[in-house]
Amino acid sequence: MNITIQSVHFDASERLEGFIQQKVGKLDQFSDEIITAEVILRVDKSESSDNKLAEVQLDIPGSNLFAKKQNKTFEEAVDLACEALRKQLIKRKEKLKAK
């Protein structure tokens, strides 16, 4: 799986990029069909403390899976997005088995 990380209006640290590579890479366990993963990180302009936004899109033959989560840190937002995608992958796999 090819993982692309984009940080909008800031430079992501190597530690953050490594964390994202690790978390998104684990999604391979749930589907070997994932071609690419695109992660977009941005800071929301709102005044709340939960202003870190992570969007993760997985390209799979025949469809795309997407999750967008917001939290206090990018790590937590990416973690929540990956959890949502894990559930989507499992649900998709069950639907394919049912056919």
PDB file of N, CA and C in Angstrom:
ATOM      1  N   MET A   1       0.846  -1.178   0.000  1.00  0.00           N
ATOM      2  CA  MET A   1       0.000   0.000   0.000  1.00  0.00           C
ATOM      3  C   MET A   1       0.888   1.236   0.000  1.00  0.00           C
ATOM      4  N   ASN A   2       0.537   2.193  -0.837  1.00  0.00           N
ATOM      5  CA  ASN A   2       1.259   3.455  -0.919  1.00  0.00           C
ATOM      6  C   ASN A   2       0.525   4.485  -0.054  1.00  0.00           C
ATOM      7  N   ILE A   3       1.225   5.080   0.906  1.00  0.00           N
ATOM      8  CA  ILE A   3       0.603   6.040   1.818  1.00  0.00           C
ATOM      9  C   ILE A   3       1.143   7.436   1.519  1.00  0.00           C
ATOM     10  N   THR A   4       0.231   8.370   1.239  1.00  0.00           N
ATOM     11  CA  THR A   4       0.591   9.763   0.972  1.00  0.00           C
ATOM     12  C   THR A   4       0.098  10.614   2.131  1.00  0.00           C
ATOM     13  N   ILE A   5       0.983  11.471   2.642  1.00  0.00           N
ATOM     14  CA  ILE A   5       0.616  12.342   3.764  1.00  0.00           C
ATOM     15  C   ILE A   5       0.758  13.794   3.321  1.00  0.00           C
ATOM     16  N   GLN A   6      -0.325  14.545   3.465  1.00  0.00           N
ATOM     17  CA  GLN A   6      -0.317  15.969   3.138  1.00  0.00           C
ATOM     18  C   GLN A   6      -0.626  16.743   4.407  1.00  0.00           C
ATOM     19  N   SER A   7       0.179  17.741   4.714  1.00  0.00           N
ATOM     20  CA  SER A   7      -0.138  18.618   5.842  1.00  0.00           C
ATOM     21  C   SER A   7      -0.367  20.012   5.262  1.00  0.00           C
ATOM     22  N   VAL A   8      -1.544  20.553   5.510  1.00  0.00           N
ATOM     23  CA  VAL A   8      -1.956  21.821   4.925  1.00  0.00           C
ATOM     24  C   VAL A   8      -1.513  22.981   5.827  1.00  0.00           C
ATOM     25  N   HIS A   9      -0.701  23.867   5.278  1.00  0.00           N
ATOM     26  CA  HIS A   9      -0.213  25.091   5.939  1.00  0.00           C
ATOM     27  C   HIS A   9       0.691  24.831   7.149  1.00  0.00           C
ATOM     28  N   PHE A  10       1.307  23.655   7.221  1.00  0.00           N
ATOM     29  CA  PHE A  10       2.315  23.383   8.243  1.00  0.00           C
ATOM     30  C   PHE A  10       3.124  22.171   7.808  1.00  0.00           C
ATOM     31  N   ASP A  11       4.267  21.970   8.435  1.00  0.00           N
ATOM     32  CA  ASP A  11       5.103  20.811   8.135  1.00  0.00           C
ATOM     33  C   ASP A  11       4.943  19.781   9.248  1.00  0.00           C
ATOM     34  N   ALA A  12       4.530  18.586   8.871  1.00  0.00           N
ATOM     35  CA  ALA A  12       4.372  17.511   9.848  1.00  0.00           C
ATOM     36  C   ALA A  12       5.749  16.999  10.270  1.00  0.00           C
ATOM     37  N   SER A  13       5.891  16.698  11.547  1.00  0.00           N
ATOM     38  CA  SER A  13       7.160  16.184  12.056  1.00  0.00           C
ATOM     39  C   SER A  13       7.368  14.749  11.565  1.00  0.00           C
ATOM     40  N   GLU A  14       8.620  14.310  11.591  1.00  0.00           N
ATOM     41  CA  GLU A  14       8.931  12.926  11.191  1.00  0.00           C
ATOM     42  C   GLU A  14       8.257  11.936  12.128  1.00  0.00           C
ATOM     43  N   ARG A  15       8.161  12.295  13.396  1.00  0.00           N
ATOM     44  CA  ARG A  15       7.517  11.432  14.381  1.00  0.00           C
ATOM     45  C   ARG A  15       6.038  11.249  14.035  1.00  0.00           C
ATOM     46  N   LEU A  16       5.367  12.350  13.681  1.00  0.00           N
ATOM     47  CA  LEU A  16       3.951  12.279  13.305  1.00  0.00           C
ATOM     48  C   LEU A  16       3.771  11.459  12.030  1.00  0.00           C
ATOM     49  N   GLU A  17       4.637  11.675  11.055  1.00  0.00           N
ATOM     50  CA  GLU A  17       4.550  10.915   9.804  1.00  0.00           C
ATOM     51  C   GLU A  17       4.785   9.428  10.053  1.00  0.00           C
ATOM     52  N   GLY A  18       5.725   9.107  10.921  1.00  0.00           N
ATOM     53  CA  GLY A  18       5.980   7.705  11.275  1.00  0.00           C
ATOM     54  C   GLY A  18       4.775   7.069  11.947  1.00  0.00           C
ATOM     55  N   PHE A  19       4.146   7.834  12.849  1.00  0.00           N
ATOM     56  CA  PHE A  19       2.942   7.348  13.533  1.00  0.00           C
ATOM     57  C   PHE A  19       1.833   7.066  12.516  1.00  0.00           C
ATOM     58  N   ILE A  20       1.643   7.973  11.561  1.00  0.00           N
ATOM     59  CA  ILE A  20       0.604   7.806  10.544  1.00  0.00           C
ATOM     60  C   ILE A  20       0.904   6.593   9.673  1.00  0.00           C
ATOM     61  N   GLN A  21       2.157   6.442   9.255  1.00  0.00           N
ATOM     62  CA  GLN A  21       2.547   5.287   8.437  1.00  0.00           C
ATOM     63  C   GLN A  21       2.215   3.984   9.172  1.00  0.00           C
ATOM     64  N   GLN A  22       2.520   3.953  10.462  1.00  0.00           N
ATOM     65  CA  GLN A  22       2.280   2.752  11.264  1.00  0.00           C
ATOM     66  C   GLN A  22       0.783   2.469  11.387  1.00  0.00           C
ATOM     67  N   LYS A  23      -0.007   3.490  11.768  1.00  0.00           N
ATOM     68  CA  LYS A  23      -1.448   3.292  11.985  1.00  0.00           C
ATOM     69  C   LYS A  23      -2.171   2.914  10.702  1.00  0.00           C
ATOM     70  N   VAL A  24      -1.913   3.670   9.629  1.00  0.00           N
ATOM     71  CA  VAL A  24      -2.605   3.405   8.367  1.00  0.00           C
ATOM     72  C   VAL A  24      -2.118   2.077   7.778  1.00  0.00           C
ATOM     73  N   GLY A  25      -0.845   1.780   7.954  1.00  0.00           N
ATOM     74  CA  GLY A  25      -0.288   0.517   7.460  1.00  0.00           C
ATOM     75  C   GLY A  25      -0.954  -0.700   8.071  1.00  0.00           C
ATOM     76  N   LYS A  26      -1.424  -0.585   9.321  1.00  0.00           N
ATOM     77  CA  LYS A  26      -2.086  -1.699   9.993  1.00  0.00           C
ATOM     78  C   LYS A  26      -3.419  -2.056   9.345  1.00  0.00           C
ATOM     79  N   LEU A  27      -3.987  -1.138   8.560  1.00  0.00           N
ATOM     80  CA  LEU A  27      -5.264  -1.425   7.897  1.00  0.00           C
ATOM     81  C   LEU A  27      -5.122  -2.529   6.860  1.00  0.00           C
ATOM     82  N   ASP A  28      -3.885  -2.799   6.436  1.00  0.00           N
ATOM     83  CA  ASP A  28      -3.615  -3.896   5.499  1.00  0.00           C
ATOM     84  C   ASP A  28      -4.071  -5.246   6.058  1.00  0.00           C
ATOM     85  N   GLN A  29      -4.119  -5.368   7.380  1.00  0.00           N
ATOM     86  CA  GLN A  29      -4.539  -6.616   8.016  1.00  0.00           C
ATOM     87  C   GLN A  29      -5.986  -6.956   7.679  1.00  0.00           C
ATOM     88  N   PHE A  30      -6.792  -5.924   7.414  1.00  0.00           N
ATOM     89  CA  PHE A  30      -8.224  -6.132   7.216  1.00  0.00           C
ATOM     90  C   PHE A  30      -8.612  -6.245   5.752  1.00  0.00           C
ATOM     91  N   SER A  31      -7.717  -5.804   4.849  1.00  0.00           N
ATOM     92  CA  SER A  31      -7.978  -5.939   3.418  1.00  0.00           C
ATOM     93  C   SER A  31      -6.664  -5.838   2.663  1.00  0.00           C
ATOM     94  N   ASP A  32      -6.415  -6.826   1.817  1.00  0.00           N
ATOM     95  CA  ASP A  32      -5.203  -6.771   1.001  1.00  0.00           C
ATOM     96  C   ASP A  32      -5.472  -6.093  -0.337  1.00  0.00           C
ATOM     97  N   GLU A  33      -6.689  -5.533  -0.503  1.00  0.00           N
ATOM     98  CA  GLU A  33      -7.051  -4.850  -1.743  1.00  0.00           C
ATOM     99  C   GLU A  33      -6.692  -3.369  -1.746  1.00  0.00           C
ATOM    100  N   ILE A  34      -6.258  -2.826  -0.610  1.00  0.00           N
ATOM    101  CA  ILE A  34      -5.984  -1.388  -0.522  1.00  0.00           C
ATOM    102  C   ILE A  34      -4.810  -1.042  -1.436  1.00  0.00           C
ATOM    103  N   ILE A  35      -5.063  -0.111  -2.371  1.00  0.00           N
ATOM    104  CA  ILE A  35      -4.025   0.297  -3.308  1.00  0.00           C
ATOM    105  C   ILE A  35      -3.241   1.470  -2.733  1.00  0.00           C
ATOM    106  N   THR A  36      -3.961   2.537  -2.383  1.00  0.00           N
ATOM    107  CA  THR A  36      -3.314   3.716  -1.817  1.00  0.00           C
ATOM    108  C   THR A  36      -4.122   4.248  -0.642  1.00  0.00           C
ATOM    109  N   ALA A  37      -3.428   4.962   0.205  1.00  0.00           N
ATOM    110  CA  ALA A  37      -4.070   5.659   1.319  1.00  0.00           C
ATOM    111  C   ALA A  37      -3.589   7.102   1.273  1.00  0.00           C
ATOM    112  N   GLU A  38      -4.522   8.036   1.342  1.00  0.00           N
ATOM    113  CA  GLU A  38      -4.169   9.453   1.338  1.00  0.00           C
ATOM    114  C   GLU A  38      -4.618  10.059   2.655  1.00  0.00           C
ATOM    115  N   VAL A  39      -3.670  10.684   3.361  1.00  0.00           N
ATOM    116  CA  VAL A  39      -3.954  11.298   4.653  1.00  0.00           C
ATOM    117  C   VAL A  39      -3.746  12.802   4.510  1.00  0.00           C
ATOM    118  N   ILE A  40      -4.760  13.566   4.883  1.00  0.00           N
ATOM    119  CA  ILE A  40      -4.667  15.025   4.840  1.00  0.00           C
ATOM    120  C   ILE A  40      -4.842  15.548   6.257  1.00  0.00           C
ATOM    121  N   LEU A  41      -3.856  16.323   6.703  1.00  0.00           N
ATOM    122  CA  LEU A  41      -3.891  16.906   8.044  1.00  0.00           C
ATOM    123  C   LEU A  41      -4.064  18.417   7.915  1.00  0.00           C
ATOM    124  N   ARG A  42      -4.957  18.979   8.722  1.00  0.00           N
ATOM    125  CA  ARG A  42      -5.107  20.429   8.722  1.00  0.00           C
ATOM    126  C   ARG A  42      -5.554  20.892  10.097  1.00  0.00           C
ATOM    127  N   VAL A  43      -5.303  22.178  10.361  1.00  0.00           N
ATOM    128  CA  VAL A  43      -5.723  22.778  11.615  1.00  0.00           C
ATOM    129  C   VAL A  43      -6.976  23.598  11.330  1.00  0.00           C
ATOM    130  N   ASP A  44      -8.048  23.283  12.045  1.00  0.00           N
ATOM    131  CA  ASP A  44      -9.304  24.008  11.898  1.00  0.00           C
ATOM    132  C   ASP A  44      -9.146  25.389  12.527  1.00  0.00           C
ATOM    133  N   LYS A  45      -9.752  26.384  11.927  1.00  0.00           N
ATOM    134  CA  LYS A  45      -9.583  27.755  12.402  1.00  0.00           C
ATOM    135  C   LYS A  45     -10.465  28.103  13.586  1.00  0.00           C
ATOM    136  N   SER A  46     -11.256  27.149  14.053  1.00  0.00           N
ATOM    137  CA  SER A  46     -12.124  27.433  15.197  1.00  0.00           C
ATOM    138  C   SER A  46     -11.289  27.611  16.464  1.00  0.00           C
ATOM    139  N   GLU A  47     -11.892  28.201  17.455  1.00  0.00           N
ATOM    140  CA  GLU A  47     -11.187  28.491  18.707  1.00  0.00           C
ATOM    141  C   GLU A  47     -11.194  27.320  19.685  1.00  0.00           C
ATOM    142  N   SER A  48     -11.882  26.242  19.355  1.00  0.00           N
ATOM    143  CA  SER A  48     -11.954  25.111  20.278  1.00  0.00           C
ATOM    144  C   SER A  48     -10.614  24.379  20.344  1.00  0.00           C
ATOM    145  N   SER A  49     -10.440  23.584  21.405  1.00  0.00           N
ATOM    146  CA  SER A  49      -9.180  22.850  21.555  1.00  0.00           C
ATOM    147  C   SER A  49      -9.125  21.649  20.609  1.00  0.00           C
ATOM    148  N   ASP A  50     -10.288  21.173  20.161  1.00  0.00           N
ATOM    149  CA  ASP A  50     -10.335  20.049  19.220  1.00  0.00           C
ATOM    150  C   ASP A  50     -10.229  20.580  17.790  1.00  0.00           C
ATOM    151  N   ASN A  51      -9.084  21.165  17.456  1.00  0.00           N
ATOM    152  CA  ASN A  51      -8.970  21.817  16.154  1.00  0.00           C
ATOM    153  C   ASN A  51      -8.048  21.089  15.180  1.00  0.00           C
ATOM    154  N   LYS A  52      -7.609  19.883  15.519  1.00  0.00           N
ATOM    155  CA  LYS A  52      -6.756  19.108  14.618  1.00  0.00           C
ATOM    156  C   LYS A  52      -7.639  18.159  13.818  1.00  0.00           C
ATOM    157  N   LEU A  53      -7.543  18.243  12.498  1.00  0.00           N
ATOM    158  CA  LEU A  53      -8.425  17.501  11.608  1.00  0.00           C
ATOM    159  C   LEU A  53      -7.607  16.524  10.765  1.00  0.00           C
ATOM    160  N   ALA A  54      -8.041  15.275  10.725  1.00  0.00           N
ATOM    161  CA  ALA A  54      -7.382  14.252   9.909  1.00  0.00           C
ATOM    162  C   ALA A  54      -8.410  13.621   8.985  1.00  0.00           C
ATOM    163  N   GLU A  55      -8.090  13.601   7.690  1.00  0.00           N
ATOM    164  CA  GLU A  55      -8.937  12.960   6.694  1.00  0.00           C
ATOM    165  C   GLU A  55      -8.131  11.822   6.078  1.00  0.00           C
ATOM    166  N   VAL A  56      -8.712  10.638   6.044  1.00  0.00           N
ATOM    167  CA  VAL A  56      -8.026   9.478   5.482  1.00  0.00           C
ATOM    168  C   VAL A  56      -8.927   8.858   4.419  1.00  0.00           C
ATOM    169  N   GLN A  57      -8.365   8.679   3.220  1.00  0.00           N
ATOM    170  CA  GLN A  57      -9.108   8.053   2.126  1.00  0.00           C
ATOM    171  C   GLN A  57      -8.335   6.834   1.649  1.00  0.00           C
ATOM    172  N   LEU A  58      -9.043   5.715   1.534  1.00  0.00           N
ATOM    173  CA  LEU A  58      -8.447   4.477   1.036  1.00  0.00           C
ATOM    174  C   LEU A  58      -8.996   4.193  -0.355  1.00  0.00           C
ATOM    175  N   ASP A  59      -8.106   3.932  -1.301  1.00  0.00           N
ATOM    176  CA  ASP A  59      -8.522   3.548  -2.648  1.00  0.00           C
ATOM    177  C   ASP A  59      -8.517   2.032  -2.746  1.00  0.00           C
ATOM    178  N   ILE A  60      -9.687   1.487  -3.033  1.00  0.00           N
ATOM    179  CA  ILE A  60      -9.879   0.046  -3.161  1.00  0.00           C
ATOM    180  C   ILE A  60     -10.553  -0.190  -4.504  1.00  0.00           C
ATOM    181  N   PRO A  61     -10.195  -1.243  -5.221  1.00  0.00           N
ATOM    182  CA  PRO A  61     -10.864  -1.486  -6.508  1.00  0.00           C
ATOM    183  C   PRO A  61     -12.385  -1.486  -6.352  1.00  0.00           C
ATOM    184  N   GLY A  62     -13.031  -0.634  -7.117  1.00  0.00           N
ATOM    185  CA  GLY A  62     -14.489  -0.568  -7.092  1.00  0.00           C
ATOM    186  C   GLY A  62     -15.072   0.443  -6.128  1.00  0.00           C
ATOM    187  N   SER A  63     -14.260   0.972  -5.201  1.00  0.00           N
ATOM    188  CA  SER A  63     -14.794   1.967  -4.273  1.00  0.00           C
ATOM    189  C   SER A  63     -13.675   2.698  -3.535  1.00  0.00           C
ATOM    190  N   ASN A  64     -14.062   3.745  -2.843  1.00  0.00           N
ATOM    191  CA  ASN A  64     -13.160   4.473  -1.959  1.00  0.00           C
ATOM    192  C   ASN A  64     -13.792   4.508  -0.574  1.00  0.00           C
ATOM    193  N   LEU A  65     -12.978   4.359   0.442  1.00  0.00           N
ATOM    194  CA  LEU A  65     -13.458   4.490   1.814  1.00  0.00           C
ATOM    195  C   LEU A  65     -12.865   5.762   2.391  1.00  0.00           C
ATOM    196  N   PHE A  66     -13.658   6.470   3.204  1.00  0.00           N
ATOM    197  CA  PHE A  66     -13.225   7.776   3.694  1.00  0.00           C
ATOM    198  C   PHE A  66     -13.622   7.947   5.151  1.00  0.00           C
ATOM    199  N   ALA A  67     -12.737   8.578   5.912  1.00  0.00           N
ATOM    200  CA  ALA A  67     -13.043   8.931   7.297  1.00  0.00           C
ATOM    201  C   ALA A  67     -12.419  10.279   7.607  1.00  0.00           C
ATOM    202  N   LYS A  68     -13.164  11.102   8.325  1.00  0.00           N
ATOM    203  CA  LYS A  68     -12.699  12.445   8.702  1.00  0.00           C
ATOM    204  C   LYS A  68     -12.970  12.599  10.191  1.00  0.00           C
ATOM    205  N   LYS A  69     -11.914  12.833  10.954  1.00  0.00           N
ATOM    206  CA  LYS A  69     -12.064  12.956  12.404  1.00  0.00           C
ATOM    207  C   LYS A  69     -11.322  14.185  12.911  1.00  0.00           C
ATOM    208  N   GLN A  70     -11.841  14.740  14.009  1.00  0.00           N
ATOM    209  CA  GLN A  70     -11.264  15.937  14.608  1.00  0.00           C
ATOM    210  C   GLN A  70     -11.025  15.675  16.084  1.00  0.00           C
ATOM    211  N   ASN A  71      -9.852  16.140  16.590  1.00  0.00           N
ATOM    212  CA  ASN A  71      -9.524  15.914  17.988  1.00  0.00           C
ATOM    213  C   ASN A  71      -8.489  16.927  18.453  1.00  0.00           C
ATOM    214  N   LYS A  72      -8.015  16.747  19.692  1.00  0.00           N
ATOM    215  CA  LYS A  72      -7.027  17.671  20.262  1.00  0.00           C
ATOM    216  C   LYS A  72      -5.655  17.540  19.611  1.00  0.00           C
ATOM    217  N   THR A  73      -5.305  16.298  19.227  1.00  0.00           N
ATOM    218  CA  THR A  73      -4.003  16.060  18.593  1.00  0.00           C
ATOM    219  C   THR A  73      -4.203  15.327  17.275  1.00  0.00           C
ATOM    220  N   PHE A  74      -3.225  15.467  16.395  1.00  0.00           N
ATOM    221  CA  PHE A  74      -3.301  14.751  15.121  1.00  0.00           C
ATOM    222  C   PHE A  74      -3.252  13.248  15.341  1.00  0.00           C
ATOM    223  N   GLU A  75      -2.471  12.810  16.326  1.00  0.00           N
ATOM    224  CA  GLU A  75      -2.370  11.376  16.597  1.00  0.00           C
ATOM    225  C   GLU A  75      -3.730  10.788  16.957  1.00  0.00           C
ATOM    226  N   GLU A  76      -4.460  11.476  17.839  1.00  0.00           N
ATOM    227  CA  GLU A  76      -5.780  10.978  18.240  1.00  0.00           C
ATOM    228  C   GLU A  76      -6.754  11.013  17.066  1.00  0.00           C
ATOM    229  N   ALA A  77      -6.700  12.071  16.254  1.00  0.00           N
ATOM    230  CA  ALA A  77      -7.599  12.191  15.102  1.00  0.00           C
ATOM    231  C   ALA A  77      -7.319  11.081  14.090  1.00  0.00           C
ATOM    232  N   VAL A  78      -6.032  10.808  13.823  1.00  0.00           N
ATOM    233  CA  VAL A  78      -5.671   9.735  12.892  1.00  0.00           C
ATOM    234  C   VAL A  78      -6.098   8.387  13.458  1.00  0.00           C
ATOM    235  N   ASP A  79      -5.910   8.192  14.748  1.00  0.00           N
ATOM    236  CA  ASP A  79      -6.306   6.949  15.400  1.00  0.00           C
ATOM    237  C   ASP A  79      -7.813   6.711  15.255  1.00  0.00           C
ATOM    238  N   LEU A  80      -8.620   7.745  15.482  1.00  0.00           N
ATOM    239  CA  LEU A  80     -10.074   7.622  15.347  1.00  0.00           C
ATOM    240  C   LEU A  80     -10.476   7.353  13.898  1.00  0.00           C
ATOM    241  N   ALA A  81      -9.815   8.026  12.957  1.00  0.00           N
ATOM    242  CA  ALA A  81     -10.120   7.824  11.537  1.00  0.00           C
ATOM    243  C   ALA A  81      -9.772   6.391  11.115  1.00  0.00           C
ATOM    244  N   CYS A  82      -8.637   5.886  11.571  1.00  0.00           N
ATOM    245  CA  CYS A  82      -8.245   4.515  11.232  1.00  0.00           C
ATOM    246  C   CYS A  82      -9.207   3.500  11.839  1.00  0.00           C
ATOM    247  N   GLU A  83      -9.703   3.776  13.032  1.00  0.00           N
ATOM    248  CA  GLU A  83     -10.686   2.889  13.663  1.00  0.00           C
ATOM    249  C   GLU A  83     -11.973   2.869  12.845  1.00  0.00           C
ATOM    250  N   ALA A  84     -12.410   4.034  12.369  1.00  0.00           N
ATOM    251  CA  ALA A  84     -13.619   4.109  11.539  1.00  0.00           C
ATOM    252  C   ALA A  84     -13.410   3.354  10.227  1.00  0.00           C
ATOM    253  N   LEU A  85     -12.225   3.488   9.637  1.00  0.00           N
ATOM    254  CA  LEU A  85     -11.932   2.781   8.387  1.00  0.00           C
ATOM    255  C   LEU A  85     -11.837   1.273   8.605  1.00  0.00           C
ATOM    256  N   ARG A  86     -11.311   0.874   9.757  1.00  0.00           N
ATOM    257  CA  ARG A  86     -11.239  -0.556  10.084  1.00  0.00           C
ATOM    258  C   ARG A  86     -12.645  -1.149  10.099  1.00  0.00           C
ATOM    259  N   LYS A  87     -13.589  -0.431  10.716  1.00  0.00           N
ATOM    260  CA  LYS A  87     -14.973  -0.904  10.762  1.00  0.00           C
ATOM    261  C   LYS A  87     -15.564  -0.964   9.353  1.00  0.00           C
ATOM    262  N   GLN A  88     -15.259   0.045   8.521  1.00  0.00           N
ATOM    263  CA  GLN A  88     -15.766   0.052   7.145  1.00  0.00           C
ATOM    264  C   GLN A  88     -15.212  -1.125   6.351  1.00  0.00           C
ATOM    265  N   LEU A  89     -13.922  -1.424   6.541  1.00  0.00           N
ATOM    266  CA  LEU A  89     -13.301  -2.539   5.827  1.00  0.00           C
ATOM    267  C   LEU A  89     -13.931  -3.869   6.235  1.00  0.00           C
ATOM    268  N   ILE A  90     -14.171  -4.047   7.529  1.00  0.00           N
ATOM    269  CA  ILE A  90     -14.780  -5.287   8.015  1.00  0.00           C
ATOM    270  C   ILE A  90     -16.193  -5.419   7.462  1.00  0.00           C
ATOM    271  N   LYS A  91     -16.952  -4.333   7.484  1.00  0.00           N
ATOM    272  CA  LYS A  91     -18.320  -4.351   6.968  1.00  0.00           C
ATOM    273  C   LYS A  91     -18.329  -4.678   5.475  1.00  0.00           C
ATOM    274  N   ARG A  92     -17.387  -4.091   4.734  1.00  0.00           N
ATOM    275  CA  ARG A  92     -17.291  -4.326   3.294  1.00  0.00           C
ATOM    276  C   ARG A  92     -16.963  -5.799   3.014  1.00  0.00           C
ATOM    277  N   LYS A  93     -16.040  -6.352   3.808  1.00  0.00           N
ATOM    278  CA  LYS A  93     -15.643  -7.742   3.641  1.00  0.00           C
ATOM    279  C   LYS A  93     -16.822  -8.685   3.897  1.00  0.00           C
ATOM    280  N   GLU A  94     -17.620  -8.365   4.928  1.00  0.00           N
ATOM    281  CA  GLU A  94     -18.781  -9.189   5.242  1.00  0.00           C
ATOM    282  C   GLU A  94     -19.818  -9.123   4.119  1.00  0.00           C
ATOM    283  N   LYS A  95     -19.992  -7.948   3.527  1.00  0.00           N
ATOM    284  CA  LYS A  95     -20.943  -7.812   2.427  1.00  0.00           C
ATOM    285  C   LYS A  95     -20.501  -8.625   1.213  1.00  0.00           C
ATOM    286  N   LEU A  96     -19.190  -8.599   0.940  1.00  0.00           N
ATOM    287  CA  LEU A  96     -18.671  -9.350  -0.199  1.00  0.00           C
ATOM    288  C   LEU A  96     -18.815 -10.849   0.026  1.00  0.00           C
ATOM    289  N   LYS A  97     -18.633 -11.305   1.247  1.00  0.00           N
ATOM    290  CA  LYS A  97     -18.790 -12.730   1.567  1.00  0.00           C
ATOM    291  C   LYS A  97     -20.241 -13.170   1.404  1.00  0.00           C
ATOM    292  N   ALA A  98     -21.168 -12.261   1.713  1.00  0.00           N
ATOM    293  CA  ALA A  98     -22.599 -12.594   1.649  1.00  0.00           C
ATOM    294  C   ALA A  98     -23.087 -12.766   0.220  1.00  0.00           C
ATOM    295  N   LYS A  99     -22.380 -12.201  -0.738  1.00  0.00           N
ATOM    296  CA  LYS A  99     -22.829 -12.294  -2.147  1.00  0.00           C
ATOM    297  C   LYS A  99     -22.607 -13.657  -2.733  1.00  0.00           C
TER     298      LYS A  99
END
